[in-house]
Every structure is written in C-alpha cells, then in structure tokens.
Amino acid sequence: EVNDGSEGQESGEAKCKLGCTIFL
C-alpha cells in the first residue's frame, strides 16, 4: 500500500512503493 506522502514530501521520504528497497 502506498500512502499519500504525508510522512514527508522530499525524495525518499514518501512511503516507498517497493516491498523491499535494495541497497547495493
């Protein structure tokens, strides 16, 4: 589920659309 971005508007601060964010 994707929220409306209320947790933060900056890049990376809105709720992530991915089930898992992979850092390389």
mmCIF file of all heavy atoms, coordinates in Angstrom:
data_MODEL
# 
_entry.id   MODEL 
# 
loop_
_atom_site.group_PDB 
_atom_site.id 
_atom_site.type_symbol 
_atom_site.label_atom_id 
_atom_site.label_alt_id 
_atom_site.label_comp_id 
_atom_site.label_asym_id 
_atom_site.label_entity_id 
_atom_site.label_seq_id 
_atom_site.pdbx_PDB_ins_code 
_atom_site.Cartn_x 
_atom_site.Cartn_y 
_atom_site.Cartn_z 
_atom_site.occupancy 
_atom_site.B_iso_or_equiv 
_atom_site.pdbx_formal_charge 
_atom_site.auth_seq_id 
_atom_site.auth_comp_id 
_atom_site.auth_asym_id 
_atom_site.auth_atom_id 
_atom_site.pdbx_PDB_model_num 
ATOM 1   N N   . GLU A 1 1  ? 0.851  -1.193 0.000  1.00 0.00 ? 1  GLU A N   1 
ATOM 2   C CA  . GLU A 1 1  ? 0.000  0.000  0.000  1.00 0.00 ? 1  GLU A CA  1 
ATOM 3   C C   . GLU A 1 1  ? 0.879  1.233  0.000  1.00 0.00 ? 1  GLU A C   1 
ATOM 4   O O   . GLU A 1 1  ? 1.909  1.288  0.655  1.00 0.00 ? 1  GLU A O   1 
ATOM 5   C CB  . GLU A 1 1  ? -0.897 -0.001 1.239  1.00 0.00 ? 1  GLU A CB  1 
ATOM 6   C CG  . GLU A 1 1  ? -1.943 -1.106 1.251  1.00 0.00 ? 1  GLU A CG  1 
ATOM 7   C CD  . GLU A 1 1  ? -2.858 -1.011 2.453  1.00 0.00 ? 1  GLU A CD  1 
ATOM 8   O OE1 . GLU A 1 1  ? -2.793 0.008  3.164  1.00 0.00 ? 1  GLU A OE1 1 
ATOM 9   O OE2 . GLU A 1 1  ? -3.625 -1.959 2.665  1.00 0.00 ? 1  GLU A OE2 1 
ATOM 10  N N   . VAL A 1 2  ? 0.470  2.232  -0.753 1.00 0.00 ? 2  VAL A N   1 
ATOM 11  C CA  . VAL A 1 2  ? 1.226  3.477  -0.839 1.00 0.00 ? 2  VAL A CA  1 
ATOM 12  C C   . VAL A 1 2  ? 0.407  4.582  -0.217 1.00 0.00 ? 2  VAL A C   1 
ATOM 13  O O   . VAL A 1 2  ? -0.756 4.778  -0.570 1.00 0.00 ? 2  VAL A O   1 
ATOM 14  C CB  . VAL A 1 2  ? 1.544  3.824  -2.315 1.00 0.00 ? 2  VAL A CB  1 
ATOM 15  C CG1 . VAL A 1 2  ? 2.385  5.091  -2.383 1.00 0.00 ? 2  VAL A CG1 1 
ATOM 16  C CG2 . VAL A 1 2  ? 2.249  2.667  -2.996 1.00 0.00 ? 2  VAL A CG2 1 
ATOM 17  N N   . ASN A 1 3  ? 1.018  5.310  0.711  1.00 0.00 ? 3  ASN A N   1 
ATOM 18  C CA  . ASN A 1 3  ? 0.266  6.410  1.340  1.00 0.00 ? 3  ASN A CA  1 
ATOM 19  C C   . ASN A 1 3  ? 0.315  7.654  0.465  1.00 0.00 ? 3  ASN A C   1 
ATOM 20  O O   . ASN A 1 3  ? 0.878  7.658  -0.619 1.00 0.00 ? 3  ASN A O   1 
ATOM 21  C CB  . ASN A 1 3  ? 0.783  6.677  2.755  1.00 0.00 ? 3  ASN A CB  1 
ATOM 22  C CG  . ASN A 1 3  ? 2.191  7.288  2.761  1.00 0.00 ? 3  ASN A CG  1 
ATOM 23  O OD1 . ASN A 1 3  ? 2.728  7.688  1.736  1.00 0.00 ? 3  ASN A OD1 1 
ATOM 24  N ND2 . ASN A 1 3  ? 2.792  7.351  3.932  1.00 0.00 ? 3  ASN A ND2 1 
ATOM 25  N N   . ASP A 1 4  ? -0.238 8.733  0.952  1.00 0.00 ? 4  ASP A N   1 
ATOM 26  C CA  . ASP A 1 4  ? -0.336 9.963  0.155  1.00 0.00 ? 4  ASP A CA  1 
ATOM 27  C C   . ASP A 1 4  ? 0.893  10.851 0.268  1.00 0.00 ? 4  ASP A C   1 
ATOM 28  O O   . ASP A 1 4  ? 0.887  11.988 -0.194 1.00 0.00 ? 4  ASP A O   1 
ATOM 29  C CB  . ASP A 1 4  ? -1.587 10.756 0.573  1.00 0.00 ? 4  ASP A CB  1 
ATOM 30  C CG  . ASP A 1 4  ? -1.556 11.149 2.054  1.00 0.00 ? 4  ASP A CG  1 
ATOM 31  O OD1 . ASP A 1 4  ? -0.529 10.845 2.730  1.00 0.00 ? 4  ASP A OD1 1 
ATOM 32  O OD2 . ASP A 1 4  ? -2.545 11.739 2.521  1.00 0.00 ? 4  ASP A OD2 1 
ATOM 33  N N   . GLY A 1 5  ? 1.945  10.332 0.922  1.00 0.00 ? 5  GLY A N   1 
ATOM 34  C CA  . GLY A 1 5  ? 3.164  11.133 1.053  1.00 0.00 ? 5  GLY A CA  1 
ATOM 35  C C   . GLY A 1 5  ? 3.149  12.040 2.253  1.00 0.00 ? 5  GLY A C   1 
ATOM 36  O O   . GLY A 1 5  ? 4.027  12.886 2.402  1.00 0.00 ? 5  GLY A O   1 
ATOM 37  N N   . SER A 1 6  ? 2.170  11.904 3.142  1.00 0.00 ? 6  SER A N   1 
ATOM 38  C CA  . SER A 1 6  ? 2.068  12.811 4.285  1.00 0.00 ? 6  SER A CA  1 
ATOM 39  C C   . SER A 1 6  ? 3.216  12.654 5.267  1.00 0.00 ? 6  SER A C   1 
ATOM 40  O O   . SER A 1 6  ? 3.491  13.551 6.040  1.00 0.00 ? 6  SER A O   1 
ATOM 41  C CB  . SER A 1 6  ? 0.737  12.571 5.014  1.00 0.00 ? 6  SER A CB  1 
ATOM 42  O OG  . SER A 1 6  ? 0.645  11.236 5.452  1.00 0.00 ? 6  SER A OG  1 
ATOM 43  N N   . GLU A 1 7  ? 3.923  11.508 5.234  1.00 0.00 ? 7  GLU A N   1 
ATOM 44  C CA  . GLU A 1 7  ? 5.049  11.314 6.146  1.00 0.00 ? 7  GLU A CA  1 
ATOM 45  C C   . GLU A 1 7  ? 6.244  12.164 5.735  1.00 0.00 ? 7  GLU A C   1 
ATOM 46  O O   . GLU A 1 7  ? 7.178  12.329 6.481  1.00 0.00 ? 7  GLU A O   1 
ATOM 47  C CB  . GLU A 1 7  ? 5.456  9.844  6.163  1.00 0.00 ? 7  GLU A CB  1 
ATOM 48  C CG  . GLU A 1 7  ? 4.465  8.936  6.850  1.00 0.00 ? 7  GLU A CG  1 
ATOM 49  C CD  . GLU A 1 7  ? 5.020  7.540  6.968  1.00 0.00 ? 7  GLU A CD  1 
ATOM 50  O OE1 . GLU A 1 7  ? 6.058  7.366  7.642  1.00 0.00 ? 7  GLU A OE1 1 
ATOM 51  O OE2 . GLU A 1 7  ? 4.437  6.620  6.393  1.00 0.00 ? 7  GLU A OE2 1 
ATOM 52  N N   . GLY A 1 8  ? 6.236  12.686 4.545  1.00 0.00 ? 8  GLY A N   1 
ATOM 53  C CA  . GLY A 1 8  ? 7.352  13.506 4.079  1.00 0.00 ? 8  GLY A CA  1 
ATOM 54  C C   . GLY A 1 8  ? 7.245  13.705 2.587  1.00 0.00 ? 8  GLY A C   1 
ATOM 55  O O   . GLY A 1 8  ? 6.880  12.796 1.863  1.00 0.00 ? 8  GLY A O   1 
ATOM 56  N N   . GLN A 1 9  ? 7.596  14.897 2.143  1.00 0.00 ? 9  GLN A N   1 
ATOM 57  C CA  . GLN A 1 9  ? 7.424  15.214 0.732  1.00 0.00 ? 9  GLN A CA  1 
ATOM 58  C C   . GLN A 1 9  ? 8.727  15.147 -0.049 1.00 0.00 ? 9  GLN A C   1 
ATOM 59  O O   . GLN A 1 9  ? 8.723  15.165 -1.258 1.00 0.00 ? 9  GLN A O   1 
ATOM 60  C CB  . GLN A 1 9  ? 6.830  16.630 0.597  1.00 0.00 ? 9  GLN A CB  1 
ATOM 61  C CG  . GLN A 1 9  ? 5.441  16.764 1.216  1.00 0.00 ? 9  GLN A CG  1 
ATOM 62  C CD  . GLN A 1 9  ? 4.435  15.823 0.580  1.00 0.00 ? 9  GLN A CD  1 
ATOM 63  O OE1 . GLN A 1 9  ? 4.404  15.658 -0.628 1.00 0.00 ? 9  GLN A OE1 1 
ATOM 64  N NE2 . GLN A 1 9  ? 3.607  15.193 1.392  1.00 0.00 ? 9  GLN A NE2 1 
ATOM 65  N N   . GLU A 1 10 ? 9.860  15.086 0.668  1.00 0.00 ? 10 GLU A N   1 
ATOM 66  C CA  . GLU A 1 10 ? 11.125 15.077 -0.040 1.00 0.00 ? 10 GLU A CA  1 
ATOM 67  C C   . GLU A 1 10 ? 11.377 13.708 -0.655 1.00 0.00 ? 10 GLU A C   1 
ATOM 68  O O   . GLU A 1 10 ? 10.809 12.710 -0.240 1.00 0.00 ? 10 GLU A O   1 
ATOM 69  C CB  . GLU A 1 10 ? 12.266 15.432 0.924  1.00 0.00 ? 10 GLU A CB  1 
ATOM 70  C CG  . GLU A 1 10 ? 12.149 16.863 1.451  1.00 0.00 ? 10 GLU A CG  1 
ATOM 71  C CD  . GLU A 1 10 ? 13.348 17.231 2.310  1.00 0.00 ? 10 GLU A CD  1 
ATOM 72  O OE1 . GLU A 1 10 ? 14.423 16.671 2.078  1.00 0.00 ? 10 GLU A OE1 1 
ATOM 73  O OE2 . GLU A 1 10 ? 13.187 18.066 3.210  1.00 0.00 ? 10 GLU A OE2 1 
ATOM 74  N N   . SER A 1 11 ? 12.273 13.680 -1.659 1.00 0.00 ? 11 SER A N   1 
ATOM 75  C CA  . SER A 1 11 ? 12.595 12.425 -2.334 1.00 0.00 ? 11 SER A CA  1 
ATOM 76  C C   . SER A 1 11 ? 13.064 11.393 -1.326 1.00 0.00 ? 11 SER A C   1 
ATOM 77  O O   . SER A 1 11 ? 13.948 11.639 -0.531 1.00 0.00 ? 11 SER A O   1 
ATOM 78  C CB  . SER A 1 11 ? 13.690 12.664 -3.379 1.00 0.00 ? 11 SER A CB  1 
ATOM 79  O OG  . SER A 1 11 ? 14.076 11.459 -3.971 1.00 0.00 ? 11 SER A OG  1 
ATOM 80  N N   . GLY A 1 12 ? 12.439 10.225 -1.388 1.00 0.00 ? 12 GLY A N   1 
ATOM 81  C CA  . GLY A 1 12 ? 12.822 9.151  -0.483 1.00 0.00 ? 12 GLY A CA  1 
ATOM 82  C C   . GLY A 1 12 ? 12.090 9.175  0.830  1.00 0.00 ? 12 GLY A C   1 
ATOM 83  O O   . GLY A 1 12 ? 12.169 8.235  1.610  1.00 0.00 ? 12 GLY A O   1 
ATOM 84  N N   . GLU A 1 13 ? 11.331 10.267 1.132  1.00 0.00 ? 13 GLU A N   1 
ATOM 85  C CA  . GLU A 1 13 ? 10.660 10.368 2.413  1.00 0.00 ? 13 GLU A CA  1 
ATOM 86  C C   . GLU A 1 13 ? 9.197  9.986  2.338  1.00 0.00 ? 13 GLU A C   1 
ATOM 87  O O   . GLU A 1 13 ? 8.569  9.741  3.356  1.00 0.00 ? 13 GLU A O   1 
ATOM 88  C CB  . GLU A 1 13 ? 10.819 11.774 2.999  1.00 0.00 ? 13 GLU A CB  1 
ATOM 89  C CG  . GLU A 1 13 ? 12.269 12.067 3.381  1.00 0.00 ? 13 GLU A CG  1 
ATOM 90  C CD  . GLU A 1 13 ? 12.415 13.345 4.178  1.00 0.00 ? 13 GLU A CD  1 
ATOM 91  O OE1 . GLU A 1 13 ? 11.392 14.017 4.429  1.00 0.00 ? 13 GLU A OE1 1 
ATOM 92  O OE2 . GLU A 1 13 ? 13.544 13.690 4.544  1.00 0.00 ? 13 GLU A OE2 1 
ATOM 93  N N   . ALA A 1 14 ? 8.619  9.973  1.124  1.00 0.00 ? 14 ALA A N   1 
ATOM 94  C CA  . ALA A 1 14 ? 7.279  9.428  0.990  1.00 0.00 ? 14 ALA A CA  1 
ATOM 95  C C   . ALA A 1 14 ? 7.354  7.913  1.107  1.00 0.00 ? 14 ALA A C   1 
ATOM 96  O O   . ALA A 1 14 ? 8.392  7.314  0.851  1.00 0.00 ? 14 ALA A O   1 
ATOM 97  C CB  . ALA A 1 14 ? 6.689  9.820  -0.367 1.00 0.00 ? 14 ALA A CB  1 
ATOM 98  N N   . LYS A 1 15 ? 6.251  7.309  1.529  1.00 0.00 ? 15 LYS A N   1 
ATOM 99  C CA  . LYS A 1 15 ? 6.253  5.863  1.740  1.00 0.00 ? 15 LYS A CA  1 
ATOM 100 C C   . LYS A 1 15 ? 6.682  5.149  0.463  1.00 0.00 ? 15 LYS A C   1 
ATOM 101 O O   . LYS A 1 15 ? 6.184  5.429  -0.617 1.00 0.00 ? 15 LYS A O   1 
ATOM 102 C CB  . LYS A 1 15 ? 4.857  5.395  2.157  1.00 0.00 ? 15 LYS A CB  1 
ATOM 103 C CG  . LYS A 1 15 ? 4.794  3.955  2.639  1.00 0.00 ? 15 LYS A CG  1 
ATOM 104 C CD  . LYS A 1 15 ? 5.515  3.763  3.948  1.00 0.00 ? 15 LYS A CD  1 
ATOM 105 C CE  . LYS A 1 15 ? 5.294  2.359  4.497  1.00 0.00 ? 15 LYS A CE  1 
ATOM 106 N NZ  . LYS A 1 15 ? 6.025  2.135  5.733  1.00 0.00 ? 15 LYS A NZ  1 
ATOM 107 N N   . CYS A 1 16 ? 7.636  4.239  0.596  1.00 0.00 ? 16 CYS A N   1 
ATOM 108 C CA  . CYS A 1 16 ? 8.193  3.549  -0.562 1.00 0.00 ? 16 CYS A CA  1 
ATOM 109 C C   . CYS A 1 16 ? 7.154  2.658  -1.237 1.00 0.00 ? 16 CYS A C   1 
ATOM 110 O O   . CYS A 1 16 ? 6.339  2.036  -0.571 1.00 0.00 ? 16 CYS A O   1 
ATOM 111 C CB  . CYS A 1 16 ? 9.400  2.734  -0.110 1.00 0.00 ? 16 CYS A CB  1 
ATOM 112 S SG  . CYS A 1 16 ? 10.227 1.911  -1.452 1.00 0.00 ? 16 CYS A SG  1 
ATOM 113 N N   . LYS A 1 17 ? 7.185  2.590  -2.572 1.00 0.00 ? 17 LYS A N   1 
ATOM 114 C CA  . LYS A 1 17 ? 6.246  1.764  -3.326 1.00 0.00 ? 17 LYS A CA  1 
ATOM 115 C C   . LYS A 1 17 ? 6.719  0.315  -3.433 1.00 0.00 ? 17 LYS A C   1 
ATOM 116 O O   . LYS A 1 17 ? 5.989  -0.532 -3.915 1.00 0.00 ? 17 LYS A O   1 
ATOM 117 C CB  . LYS A 1 17 ? 6.070  2.347  -4.736 1.00 0.00 ? 17 LYS A CB  1 
ATOM 118 C CG  . LYS A 1 17 ? 5.449  3.735  -4.771 1.00 0.00 ? 17 LYS A CG  1 
ATOM 119 C CD  . LYS A 1 17 ? 5.330  4.220  -6.197 1.00 0.00 ? 17 LYS A CD  1 
ATOM 120 C CE  . LYS A 1 17 ? 4.749  5.625  -6.247 1.00 0.00 ? 17 LYS A CE  1 
ATOM 121 N NZ  . LYS A 1 17 ? 4.641  6.139  -7.630 1.00 0.00 ? 17 LYS A NZ  1 
ATOM 122 N N   . LEU A 1 18 ? 7.954  0.045  -3.033 1.00 0.00 ? 18 LEU A N   1 
ATOM 123 C CA  . LEU A 1 18 ? 8.511  -1.289 -3.163 1.00 0.00 ? 18 LEU A CA  1 
ATOM 124 C C   . LEU A 1 18 ? 8.345  -2.087 -1.884 1.00 0.00 ? 18 LEU A C   1 
ATOM 125 O O   . LEU A 1 18 ? 8.408  -1.533 -0.781 1.00 0.00 ? 18 LEU A O   1 
ATOM 126 C CB  . LEU A 1 18 ? 10.000 -1.202 -3.513 1.00 0.00 ? 18 LEU A CB  1 
ATOM 127 C CG  . LEU A 1 18 ? 10.353 -0.531 -4.849 1.00 0.00 ? 18 LEU A CG  1 
ATOM 128 C CD1 . LEU A 1 18 ? 11.842 -0.279 -4.929 1.00 0.00 ? 18 LEU A CD1 1 
ATOM 129 C CD2 . LEU A 1 18 ? 9.883  -1.385 -6.010 1.00 0.00 ? 18 LEU A CD2 1 
ATOM 130 N N   . GLY A 1 19 ? 8.194  -3.392 -2.038 1.00 0.00 ? 19 GLY A N   1 
ATOM 131 C CA  . GLY A 1 19 ? 8.118  -4.241 -0.858 1.00 0.00 ? 19 GLY A CA  1 
ATOM 132 C C   . GLY A 1 19 ? 9.444  -4.318 -0.131 1.00 0.00 ? 19 GLY A C   1 
ATOM 133 O O   . GLY A 1 19 ? 9.499  -4.504 1.088  1.00 0.00 ? 19 GLY A O   1 
ATOM 134 N N   . CYS A 1 20 ? 10.543 -4.172 -0.879 1.00 0.00 ? 20 CYS A N   1 
ATOM 135 C CA  . CYS A 1 20 ? 11.889 -4.181 -0.291 1.00 0.00 ? 20 CYS A CA  1 
ATOM 136 C C   . CYS A 1 20 ? 12.782 -3.262 -1.104 1.00 0.00 ? 20 CYS A C   1 
ATOM 137 O O   . CYS A 1 20 ? 12.845 -3.367 -2.330 1.00 0.00 ? 20 CYS A O   1 
ATOM 138 C CB  . CYS A 1 20 ? 12.454 -5.602 -0.275 1.00 0.00 ? 20 CYS A CB  1 
ATOM 139 S SG  . CYS A 1 20 ? 14.122 -5.737 0.400  1.00 0.00 ? 20 CYS A SG  1 
ATOM 140 N N   . THR A 1 21 ? 13.451 -2.337 -0.453 1.00 0.00 ? 21 THR A N   1 
ATOM 141 C CA  . THR A 1 21 ? 14.399 -1.429 -1.097 1.00 0.00 ? 21 THR A CA  1 
ATOM 142 C C   . THR A 1 21 ? 15.781 -2.049 -0.993 1.00 0.00 ? 21 THR A C   1 
ATOM 143 O O   . THR A 1 21 ? 16.275 -2.290 0.109  1.00 0.00 ? 21 THR A O   1 
ATOM 144 C CB  . THR A 1 21 ? 14.383 -0.047 -0.421 1.00 0.00 ? 21 THR A CB  1 
ATOM 145 O OG1 . THR A 1 21 ? 13.075 0.524  -0.557 1.00 0.00 ? 21 THR A OG1 1 
ATOM 146 C CG2 . THR A 1 21 ? 15.408 0.887  -1.042 1.00 0.00 ? 21 THR A CG2 1 
ATOM 147 N N   . ILE A 1 22 ? 16.411 -2.318 -2.142 1.00 0.00 ? 22 ILE A N   1 
ATOM 148 C CA  . ILE A 1 22 ? 17.700 -3.000 -2.154 1.00 0.00 ? 22 ILE A CA  1 
ATOM 149 C C   . ILE A 1 22 ? 18.832 -1.978 -2.301 1.00 0.00 ? 22 ILE A C   1 
ATOM 150 O O   . ILE A 1 22 ? 18.881 -1.216 -3.268 1.00 0.00 ? 22 ILE A O   1 
ATOM 151 C CB  . ILE A 1 22 ? 17.767 -4.035 -3.292 1.00 0.00 ? 22 ILE A CB  1 
ATOM 152 C CG1 . ILE A 1 22 ? 16.693 -5.119 -3.076 1.00 0.00 ? 22 ILE A CG1 1 
ATOM 153 C CG2 . ILE A 1 22 ? 19.154 -4.666 -3.362 1.00 0.00 ? 22 ILE A CG2 1 
ATOM 154 C CD1 . ILE A 1 22 ? 16.647 -6.178 -4.166 1.00 0.00 ? 22 ILE A CD1 1 
ATOM 155 N N   . PHE A 1 23 ? 19.727 -1.987 -1.322 1.00 0.00 ? 23 PHE A N   1 
ATOM 156 C CA  . PHE A 1 23 ? 20.920 -1.142 -1.325 1.00 0.00 ? 23 PHE A CA  1 
ATOM 157 C C   . PHE A 1 23 ? 22.088 -1.966 -1.874 1.00 0.00 ? 23 PHE A C   1 
ATOM 158 O O   . PHE A 1 23 ? 22.338 -3.076 -1.411 1.00 0.00 ? 23 PHE A O   1 
ATOM 159 C CB  . PHE A 1 23 ? 21.270 -0.687 0.088  1.00 0.00 ? 23 PHE A CB  1 
ATOM 160 C CG  . PHE A 1 23 ? 20.340 0.332  0.676  1.00 0.00 ? 23 PHE A CG  1 
ATOM 161 C CD1 . PHE A 1 23 ? 19.062 -0.029 1.086  1.00 0.00 ? 23 PHE A CD1 1 
ATOM 162 C CD2 . PHE A 1 23 ? 20.742 1.654  0.846  1.00 0.00 ? 23 PHE A CD2 1 
ATOM 163 C CE1 . PHE A 1 23 ? 18.195 0.908  1.636  1.00 0.00 ? 23 PHE A CE1 1 
ATOM 164 C CE2 . PHE A 1 23 ? 19.884 2.591  1.398  1.00 0.00 ? 23 PHE A CE2 1 
ATOM 165 C CZ  . PHE A 1 23 ? 18.617 2.229  1.793  1.00 0.00 ? 23 PHE A CZ  1 
ATOM 166 N N   . LEU A 1 24 ? 22.808 -1.416 -2.850 1.00 0.00 ? 24 LEU A N   1 
ATOM 167 C CA  . LEU A 1 24 ? 23.997 -2.064 -3.399 1.00 0.00 ? 24 LEU A CA  1 
ATOM 168 C C   . LEU A 1 24 ? 25.213 -1.186 -3.137 1.00 0.00 ? 24 LEU A C   1 
ATOM 169 O O   . LEU A 1 24 ? 25.230 -0.017 -3.514 1.00 0.00 ? 24 LEU A O   1 
ATOM 170 C CB  . LEU A 1 24 ? 23.841 -2.284 -4.909 1.00 0.00 ? 24 LEU A CB  1 
ATOM 171 C CG  . LEU A 1 24 ? 25.093 -2.795 -5.638 1.00 0.00 ? 24 LEU A CG  1 
ATOM 172 C CD1 . LEU A 1 24 ? 25.482 -4.203 -5.169 1.00 0.00 ? 24 LEU A CD1 1 
ATOM 173 C CD2 . LEU A 1 24 ? 24.884 -2.778 -7.151 1.00 0.00 ? 24 LEU A CD2 1 
# 
